[in-house]
Amino acid sequence: MVTPTVVFDLDGTLVDSAPDLVATLNIIFARTGLPPVAYDAARNMVGGGARAMIMRGLKAEGRTLDVVQVDRLVSDFIDHYAVHIADRSRPFPGLESALDALAARGCRLAVCTNKLEWLAVRLLDALALSKRFAAICGGDTFGLQKPDPELLRRTIARAGGDAASAVMVGDSIIDVAVAHAAGVPVVAVDFGYSQIPVTELGADRVVSALSALPNAVFDLLRAPRPAQAAQQ
């Protein structure tokens, strides 16, 4: 059997990073004279990278800025966030046990995120998690972002895996979309940052706790893929 690969989204799936991301958003908004975004609203803006979060925050406040102003906000956001990347961000409960269980059952692990790669590595380094992953790929690694399926395919390949024996784990419609486009089954966690109820995302499995993740992953690995089923 080919070694299975489990590919994780980062923010909202592996790590509860919203506290530091939202704090950064509101700090850079304050510098520009913009009002803060309420935490509960801003939490669900996480997941598309710094620019997407800023644009969502501006839209929520009914504000528009020109490209030069947005570029400056993005630069300021990244500079501040890089220094405060793990002030309050923490792994979701049960993460390390779930990763241990997957590794013990022969899985290689990878990260596929729209975060800049160096920021993803810095966050995982700060939380002593980066060495668990055979590949950590961000939105700048290949010049691609989710939901482009090529980002997921290349992440799997960089980890030494094969899409035919891979599973995606995420928390958003983007994660479900990228997995489906790449022909990879997907597990959605329901404790992340999705603006849509997770049960409506179309994931192959939904879990409410990371302790349930290994069994969900192996259920999907054992299930025939659509191409396999058509041949039977």
C-alpha atoms as a PDB file:
ATOM      1  CA  MET A   1       0.000   0.000   0.000  1.00  0.00           C
ATOM      2  CA  VAL A   2       1.264   3.494  -0.858  1.00  0.00           C
ATOM      3  CA  THR A   3       2.049   5.538   2.243  1.00  0.00           C
ATOM      4  CA  PRO A   4      -0.994   7.743   2.841  1.00  0.00           C
ATOM      5  CA  THR A   5      -0.617  11.503   3.017  1.00  0.00           C
ATOM      6  CA  VAL A   6      -2.792  13.692   5.237  1.00  0.00           C
ATOM      7  CA  VAL A   7      -2.736  17.354   4.233  1.00  0.00           C
ATOM      8  CA  PHE A   8      -3.910  19.980   6.704  1.00  0.00           C
ATOM      9  CA  ASP A   9      -5.078  23.520   6.374  1.00  0.00           C
ATOM     10  CA  LEU A  10      -3.386  25.641   9.047  1.00  0.00           C
ATOM     11  CA  ASP A  11      -5.504  28.482  10.449  1.00  0.00           C
ATOM     12  CA  GLY A  12      -8.705  27.165  11.975  1.00  0.00           C
ATOM     13  CA  THR A  13      -7.707  23.525  11.489  1.00  0.00           C
ATOM     14  CA  LEU A  14      -4.377  22.907  13.183  1.00  0.00           C
ATOM     15  CA  VAL A  15      -4.044  26.136  15.125  1.00  0.00           C
ATOM     16  CA  ASP A  16      -6.469  28.592  16.715  1.00  0.00           C
ATOM     17  CA  SER A  17      -4.620  31.579  15.284  1.00  0.00           C
ATOM     18  CA  ALA A  18      -7.535  34.018  15.198  1.00  0.00           C
ATOM     19  CA  PRO A  19      -6.556  35.875  18.405  1.00  0.00           C
ATOM     20  CA  ASP A  20      -3.269  37.086  16.909  1.00  0.00           C
ATOM     21  CA  LEU A  21      -4.659  37.623  13.406  1.00  0.00           C
ATOM     22  CA  VAL A  22      -7.625  39.673  14.613  1.00  0.00           C
ATOM     23  CA  ALA A  23      -5.430  41.688  16.992  1.00  0.00           C
ATOM     24  CA  THR A  24      -3.077  42.462  14.101  1.00  0.00           C
ATOM     25  CA  LEU A  25      -5.966  43.475  11.830  1.00  0.00           C
ATOM     26  CA  ASN A  26      -7.337  45.911  14.379  1.00  0.00           C
ATOM     27  CA  ILE A  27      -3.918  47.364  15.199  1.00  0.00           C
ATOM     28  CA  ILE A  28      -3.204  48.214  11.572  1.00  0.00           C
ATOM     29  CA  PHE A  29      -6.755  49.506  11.092  1.00  0.00           C
ATOM     30  CA  ALA A  30      -6.283  51.806  14.101  1.00  0.00           C
ATOM     31  CA  ARG A  31      -3.069  53.192  12.600  1.00  0.00           C
ATOM     32  CA  THR A  32      -5.065  54.186   9.519  1.00  0.00           C
ATOM     33  CA  GLY A  33      -7.928  55.684  11.521  1.00  0.00           C
ATOM     34  CA  LEU A  34     -10.284  52.803  10.753  1.00  0.00           C
ATOM     35  CA  PRO A  35     -12.609  51.372  13.417  1.00  0.00           C
ATOM     36  CA  PRO A  36     -11.871  47.919  14.840  1.00  0.00           C
ATOM     37  CA  VAL A  37     -13.714  44.843  13.631  1.00  0.00           C
ATOM     38  CA  ALA A  38     -15.529  42.894  16.352  1.00  0.00           C
ATOM     39  CA  TYR A  39     -13.685  39.695  17.246  1.00  0.00           C
ATOM     40  CA  ASP A  40     -16.589  37.342  16.516  1.00  0.00           C
ATOM     41  CA  ALA A  41     -16.992  38.835  13.038  1.00  0.00           C
ATOM     42  CA  ALA A  42     -13.258  39.055  12.304  1.00  0.00           C
ATOM     43  CA  ARG A  43     -12.650  35.455  13.393  1.00  0.00           C
ATOM     44  CA  ASN A  44     -14.581  34.223  10.371  1.00  0.00           C
ATOM     45  CA  MET A  45     -12.490  36.426   8.057  1.00  0.00           C
ATOM     46  CA  VAL A  46      -9.438  34.226   8.639  1.00  0.00           C
ATOM     47  CA  GLY A  47      -8.354  31.758   6.005  1.00  0.00           C
ATOM     48  CA  GLY A  48      -7.488  33.482   2.748  1.00  0.00           C
ATOM     49  CA  GLY A  49      -4.240  35.198   3.668  1.00  0.00           C
ATOM     50  CA  ALA A  50      -3.509  38.721   4.913  1.00  0.00           C
ATOM     51  CA  ARG A  51      -4.871  40.596   1.908  1.00  0.00           C
ATOM     52  CA  ALA A  52      -8.142  38.673   1.914  1.00  0.00           C
ATOM     53  CA  MET A  53      -8.603  39.278   5.640  1.00  0.00           C
ATOM     54  CA  ILE A  54      -7.971  43.006   5.210  1.00  0.00           C
ATOM     55  CA  MET A  55     -10.398  43.233   2.301  1.00  0.00           C
ATOM     56  CA  ARG A  56     -13.056  41.376   4.274  1.00  0.00           C
ATOM     57  CA  GLY A  57     -12.482  43.690   7.241  1.00  0.00           C
ATOM     58  CA  LEU A  58     -12.833  46.772   5.053  1.00  0.00           C
ATOM     59  CA  LYS A  59     -15.989  45.416   3.455  1.00  0.00           C
ATOM     60  CA  ALA A  60     -17.508  44.694   6.878  1.00  0.00           C
ATOM     61  CA  GLU A  61     -16.967  48.337   7.816  1.00  0.00           C
ATOM     62  CA  GLY A  62     -18.293  49.573   4.477  1.00  0.00           C
ATOM     63  CA  ARG A  63     -14.906  51.035   3.558  1.00  0.00           C
ATOM     64  CA  THR A  64     -12.950  50.999   0.328  1.00  0.00           C
ATOM     65  CA  LEU A  65      -9.288  51.931  -0.147  1.00  0.00           C
ATOM     66  CA  ASP A  66      -7.188  52.242  -3.263  1.00  0.00           C
ATOM     67  CA  VAL A  67      -4.602  49.638  -4.234  1.00  0.00           C
ATOM     68  CA  VAL A  68      -1.666  51.595  -2.813  1.00  0.00           C
ATOM     69  CA  GLN A  69      -3.397  51.956   0.570  1.00  0.00           C
ATOM     70  CA  VAL A  70      -4.328  48.278   0.669  1.00  0.00           C
ATOM     71  CA  ASP A  71      -0.778  47.284  -0.248  1.00  0.00           C
ATOM     72  CA  ARG A  72       0.516  49.369   2.645  1.00  0.00           C
ATOM     73  CA  LEU A  73      -1.951  47.738   5.031  1.00  0.00           C
ATOM     74  CA  VAL A  74      -0.869  44.290   3.842  1.00  0.00           C
ATOM     75  CA  SER A  75       2.797  45.138   4.381  1.00  0.00           C
ATOM     76  CA  ASP A  76       2.088  46.566   7.847  1.00  0.00           C
ATOM     77  CA  PHE A  77      -0.066  43.563   8.697  1.00  0.00           C
ATOM     78  CA  ILE A  78       2.674  41.065   7.795  1.00  0.00           C
ATOM     79  CA  ASP A  79       5.375  43.049   9.631  1.00  0.00           C
ATOM     80  CA  HIS A  80       3.349  43.210  12.847  1.00  0.00           C
ATOM     81  CA  TYR A  81       1.943  39.703  12.650  1.00  0.00           C
ATOM     82  CA  ALA A  82       5.364  38.129  12.104  1.00  0.00           C
ATOM     83  CA  VAL A  83       6.522  39.493  15.465  1.00  0.00           C
ATOM     84  CA  HIS A  84       3.328  38.517  17.315  1.00  0.00           C
ATOM     85  CA  ILE A  85       2.521  35.318  15.440  1.00  0.00           C
ATOM     86  CA  ALA A  86       2.161  33.105  18.508  1.00  0.00           C
ATOM     87  CA  ASP A  87       1.380  35.512  21.318  1.00  0.00           C
ATOM     88  CA  ARG A  88      -1.978  33.815  21.862  1.00  0.00           C
ATOM     89  CA  SER A  89      -2.257  31.296  19.017  1.00  0.00           C
ATOM     90  CA  ARG A  90      -2.368  27.709  20.209  1.00  0.00           C
ATOM     91  CA  PRO A  91      -2.947  24.246  18.696  1.00  0.00           C
ATOM     92  CA  PHE A  92      -6.529  23.096  18.892  1.00  0.00           C
ATOM     93  CA  PRO A  93      -7.203  20.608  21.711  1.00  0.00           C
ATOM     94  CA  GLY A  94      -6.116  17.076  20.905  1.00  0.00           C
ATOM     95  CA  LEU A  95      -3.971  18.042  17.928  1.00  0.00           C
ATOM     96  CA  GLU A  96      -0.717  16.441  18.975  1.00  0.00           C
ATOM     97  CA  SER A  97      -2.411  13.184  19.973  1.00  0.00           C
ATOM     98  CA  ALA A  98      -4.182  13.073  16.603  1.00  0.00           C
ATOM     99  CA  LEU A  99      -0.930  13.720  14.723  1.00  0.00           C
ATOM    100  CA  ASP A 100       0.790  11.034  16.796  1.00  0.00           C
ATOM    101  CA  ALA A 101      -1.969   8.555  15.968  1.00  0.00           C
ATOM    102  CA  LEU A 102      -1.797   9.295  12.234  1.00  0.00           C
ATOM    103  CA  ALA A 103       1.993   9.028  12.194  1.00  0.00           C
ATOM    104  CA  ALA A 104       1.879   5.774  14.159  1.00  0.00           C
ATOM    105  CA  ARG A 105      -0.426   4.334  11.490  1.00  0.00           C
ATOM    106  CA  GLY A 106       2.054   5.213   8.751  1.00  0.00           C
ATOM    107  CA  CYS A 107       0.769   8.543   7.471  1.00  0.00           C
ATOM    108  CA  ARG A 108       3.011  11.301   6.187  1.00  0.00           C
ATOM    109  CA  LEU A 109       1.713  14.742   7.130  1.00  0.00           C
ATOM    110  CA  ALA A 110       1.740  18.047   5.249  1.00  0.00           C
ATOM    111  CA  VAL A 111       0.352  21.578   5.475  1.00  0.00           C
ATOM    112  CA  CYS A 112      -1.357  23.414   2.605  1.00  0.00           C
ATOM    113  CA  THR A 113      -2.300  26.988   3.499  1.00  0.00           C
ATOM    114  CA  ASN A 114      -2.878  30.348   1.841  1.00  0.00           C
ATOM    115  CA  LYS A 115      -0.636  31.898   4.493  1.00  0.00           C
ATOM    116  CA  LEU A 116       2.815  32.902   3.276  1.00  0.00           C
ATOM    117  CA  GLU A 117       5.082  29.884   3.642  1.00  0.00           C
ATOM    118  CA  TRP A 118       7.604  31.602   5.901  1.00  0.00           C
ATOM    119  CA  LEU A 119       4.844  32.770   8.225  1.00  0.00           C
ATOM    120  CA  ALA A 120       3.351  29.268   8.327  1.00  0.00           C
ATOM    121  CA  VAL A 121       6.749  27.815   9.196  1.00  0.00           C
ATOM    122  CA  ARG A 122       7.342  30.509  11.819  1.00  0.00           C
ATOM    123  CA  LEU A 123       3.985  29.794  13.475  1.00  0.00           C
ATOM    124  CA  LEU A 124       4.516  26.044  13.493  1.00  0.00           C
ATOM    125  CA  ASP A 125       8.091  26.506  14.731  1.00  0.00           C
ATOM    126  CA  ALA A 126       6.843  28.677  17.595  1.00  0.00           C
ATOM    127  CA  LEU A 127       4.413  25.938  18.585  1.00  0.00           C
ATOM    128  CA  ALA A 128       7.035  23.155  18.172  1.00  0.00           C
ATOM    129  CA  LEU A 129       4.971  21.518  15.421  1.00  0.00           C
ATOM    130  CA  SER A 130       6.870  22.098  12.180  1.00  0.00           C
ATOM    131  CA  LYS A 131       9.044  18.976  12.377  1.00  0.00           C
ATOM    132  CA  ARG A 132       5.929  16.819  12.229  1.00  0.00           C
ATOM    133  CA  PHE A 133       5.264  17.808   8.610  1.00  0.00           C
ATOM    134  CA  ALA A 134       7.045  16.505   5.534  1.00  0.00           C
ATOM    135  CA  ALA A 135       6.005  19.642   3.619  1.00  0.00           C
ATOM    136  CA  ILE A 136       4.662  23.068   4.584  1.00  0.00           C
ATOM    137  CA  CYS A 137       3.385  24.943   1.529  1.00  0.00           C
ATOM    138  CA  GLY A 138       1.870  28.416   1.452  1.00  0.00           C
ATOM    139  CA  GLY A 139       0.254  30.741  -1.009  1.00  0.00           C
ATOM    140  CA  ASP A 140       3.654  31.911  -2.247  1.00  0.00           C
ATOM    141  CA  THR A 141       5.377  28.524  -2.431  1.00  0.00           C
ATOM    142  CA  PHE A 142       4.284  27.832  -5.994  1.00  0.00           C
ATOM    143  CA  GLY A 143       2.579  31.145  -6.738  1.00  0.00           C
ATOM    144  CA  LEU A 144      -0.801  29.448  -6.249  1.00  0.00           C
ATOM    145  CA  GLN A 145      -3.576  29.738  -3.702  1.00  0.00           C
ATOM    146  CA  LYS A 146      -6.421  27.494  -2.647  1.00  0.00           C
ATOM    147  CA  PRO A 147      -8.875  26.619  -4.161  1.00  0.00           C
ATOM    148  CA  ASP A 148      -6.484  26.032  -7.086  1.00  0.00           C
ATOM    149  CA  PRO A 149      -6.126  22.227  -6.947  1.00  0.00           C
ATOM    150  CA  GLU A 150      -2.572  22.408  -8.230  1.00  0.00           C
ATOM    151  CA  LEU A 151      -1.466  23.826  -4.872  1.00  0.00           C
ATOM    152  CA  LEU A 152      -2.806  20.747  -3.111  1.00  0.00           C
ATOM    153  CA  ARG A 153      -1.342  18.384  -5.710  1.00  0.00           C
ATOM    154  CA  ARG A 154       2.083  20.007  -5.448  1.00  0.00           C
ATOM    155  CA  THR A 155       1.952  19.975  -1.660  1.00  0.00           C
ATOM    156  CA  ILE A 156       1.236  16.231  -1.708  1.00  0.00           C
ATOM    157  CA  ALA A 157       4.081  15.688  -4.171  1.00  0.00           C
ATOM    158  CA  ARG A 158       6.514  17.760  -2.105  1.00  0.00           C
ATOM    159  CA  ALA A 159       5.659  15.594   0.901  1.00  0.00           C
ATOM    160  CA  GLY A 160       6.529  12.529  -1.183  1.00  0.00           C
ATOM    161  CA  GLY A 161       2.945  11.378  -1.452  1.00  0.00           C
ATOM    162  CA  ASP A 162       0.394  10.523  -4.108  1.00  0.00           C
ATOM    163  CA  ALA A 163      -2.997  12.221  -4.521  1.00  0.00           C
ATOM    164  CA  ALA A 164      -4.579   8.792  -5.015  1.00  0.00           C
ATOM    165  CA  SER A 165      -3.840   7.963  -1.374  1.00  0.00           C
ATOM    166  CA  ALA A 166      -4.251  11.374   0.251  1.00  0.00           C
ATOM    167  CA  VAL A 167      -6.853  13.045   2.458  1.00  0.00           C
ATOM    168  CA  MET A 168      -7.347  16.780   3.036  1.00  0.00           C
ATOM    169  CA  VAL A 169      -8.344  18.194   6.429  1.00  0.00           C
ATOM    170  CA  GLY A 170      -9.718  21.721   6.647  1.00  0.00           C
ATOM    171  CA  ASP A 171     -12.331  24.033   8.095  1.00  0.00           C
ATOM    172  CA  SER A 172     -13.688  26.051   5.181  1.00  0.00           C
ATOM    173  CA  ILE A 173     -15.412  25.946   1.815  1.00  0.00           C
ATOM    174  CA  ILE A 174     -12.036  26.734   0.234  1.00  0.00           C
ATOM    175  CA  ASP A 175     -10.533  23.569   1.720  1.00  0.00           C
ATOM    176  CA  VAL A 176     -13.452  21.454   0.555  1.00  0.00           C
ATOM    177  CA  ALA A 177     -13.311  23.025  -2.903  1.00  0.00           C
ATOM    178  CA  VAL A 178      -9.575  22.483  -3.355  1.00  0.00           C
ATOM    179  CA  ALA A 179      -9.845  18.863  -2.236  1.00  0.00           C
ATOM    180  CA  HIS A 180     -12.771  18.076  -4.525  1.00  0.00           C
ATOM    181  CA  ALA A 181     -11.052  19.780  -7.473  1.00  0.00           C
ATOM    182  CA  ALA A 182      -7.940  17.673  -6.865  1.00  0.00           C
ATOM    183  CA  GLY A 183      -9.948  14.454  -6.494  1.00  0.00           C
ATOM    184  CA  VAL A 184      -8.968  14.093  -2.841  1.00  0.00           C
ATOM    185  CA  PRO A 185     -11.484  13.253  -0.088  1.00  0.00           C
ATOM    186  CA  VAL A 186     -11.800  15.821   2.674  1.00  0.00           C
ATOM    187  CA  VAL A 187     -12.543  15.904   6.391  1.00  0.00           C
ATOM    188  CA  ALA A 188     -13.945  19.184   7.743  1.00  0.00           C
ATOM    189  CA  VAL A 189     -13.549  20.224  11.367  1.00  0.00           C
ATOM    190  CA  ASP A 190     -16.468  22.134  12.834  1.00  0.00           C
ATOM    191  CA  PHE A 191     -14.499  24.295  15.300  1.00  0.00           C
ATOM    192  CA  GLY A 192     -12.691  26.476  12.753  1.00  0.00           C
ATOM    193  CA  TYR A 193     -13.482  29.737  11.010  1.00  0.00           C
ATOM    194  CA  SER A 194     -16.079  28.853   8.397  1.00  0.00           C
ATOM    195  CA  GLN A 195     -18.761  31.444   7.709  1.00  0.00           C
ATOM    196  CA  ILE A 196     -20.954  28.631   6.372  1.00  0.00           C
ATOM    197  CA  PRO A 197     -22.213  25.846   8.663  1.00  0.00           C
ATOM    198  CA  VAL A 198     -19.663  23.065   8.270  1.00  0.00           C
ATOM    199  CA  THR A 199     -22.368  20.483   7.620  1.00  0.00           C
ATOM    200  CA  GLU A 200     -23.258  22.439   4.465  1.00  0.00           C
ATOM    201  CA  LEU A 201     -19.740  22.498   2.984  1.00  0.00           C
ATOM    202  CA  GLY A 202     -20.002  19.144   1.233  1.00  0.00           C
ATOM    203  CA  ALA A 203     -17.093  17.501   3.040  1.00  0.00           C
ATOM    204  CA  ASP A 204     -16.833  13.710   3.003  1.00  0.00           C
ATOM    205  CA  ARG A 205     -16.631  13.624   6.797  1.00  0.00           C
ATOM    206  CA  VAL A 206     -17.163  16.187   9.563  1.00  0.00           C
ATOM    207  CA  VAL A 207     -15.524  15.900  12.973  1.00  0.00           C
ATOM    208  CA  SER A 208     -16.131  17.947  16.095  1.00  0.00           C
ATOM    209  CA  ALA A 209     -12.954  16.871  17.891  1.00  0.00           C
ATOM    210  CA  LEU A 210      -9.481  16.015  16.656  1.00  0.00           C
ATOM    211  CA  SER A 211      -9.644  12.770  18.613  1.00  0.00           C
ATOM    212  CA  ALA A 212     -12.097  11.579  15.930  1.00  0.00           C
ATOM    213  CA  LEU A 213      -9.817  12.552  13.054  1.00  0.00           C
ATOM    214  CA  PRO A 214      -7.660   9.407  12.643  1.00  0.00           C
ATOM    215  CA  ASN A 215     -10.670   7.119  12.243  1.00  0.00           C
ATOM    216  CA  ALA A 216     -12.311   9.544   9.797  1.00  0.00           C
ATOM    217  CA  VAL A 217      -9.109   9.708   7.737  1.00  0.00           C
ATOM    218  CA  PHE A 218      -8.735   5.943   7.535  1.00  0.00           C
ATOM    219  CA  ASP A 219     -12.405   5.476   6.667  1.00  0.00           C
ATOM    220  CA  LEU A 220     -11.795   7.703   3.641  1.00  0.00           C
ATOM    221  CA  LEU A 221      -8.508   6.046   2.738  1.00  0.00           C
ATOM    222  CA  ARG A 222     -10.261   2.655   2.665  1.00  0.00           C
ATOM    223  CA  ALA A 223     -13.193   3.918   0.601  1.00  0.00           C
ATOM    224  CA  PRO A 224     -12.975   3.555  -3.208  1.00  0.00           C
ATOM    225  CA  ARG A 225     -12.247   6.796  -5.029  1.00  0.00           C
ATOM    226  CA  PRO A 226     -14.677   7.723  -7.840  1.00  0.00           C
ATOM    227  CA  ALA A 227     -12.202   6.577 -10.521  1.00  0.00           C
ATOM    228  CA  GLN A 228     -11.628   3.322  -8.653  1.00  0.00           C
ATOM    229  CA  ALA A 229     -15.347   2.730  -8.206  1.00  0.00           C
ATOM    230  CA  ALA A 230     -15.933   3.238 -11.948  1.00  0.00           C
ATOM    231  CA  GLN A 231     -13.452   0.471 -12.718  1.00  0.00           C
ATOM    232  CA  GLN A 232     -15.104  -2.047 -10.408  1.00  0.00           C
END
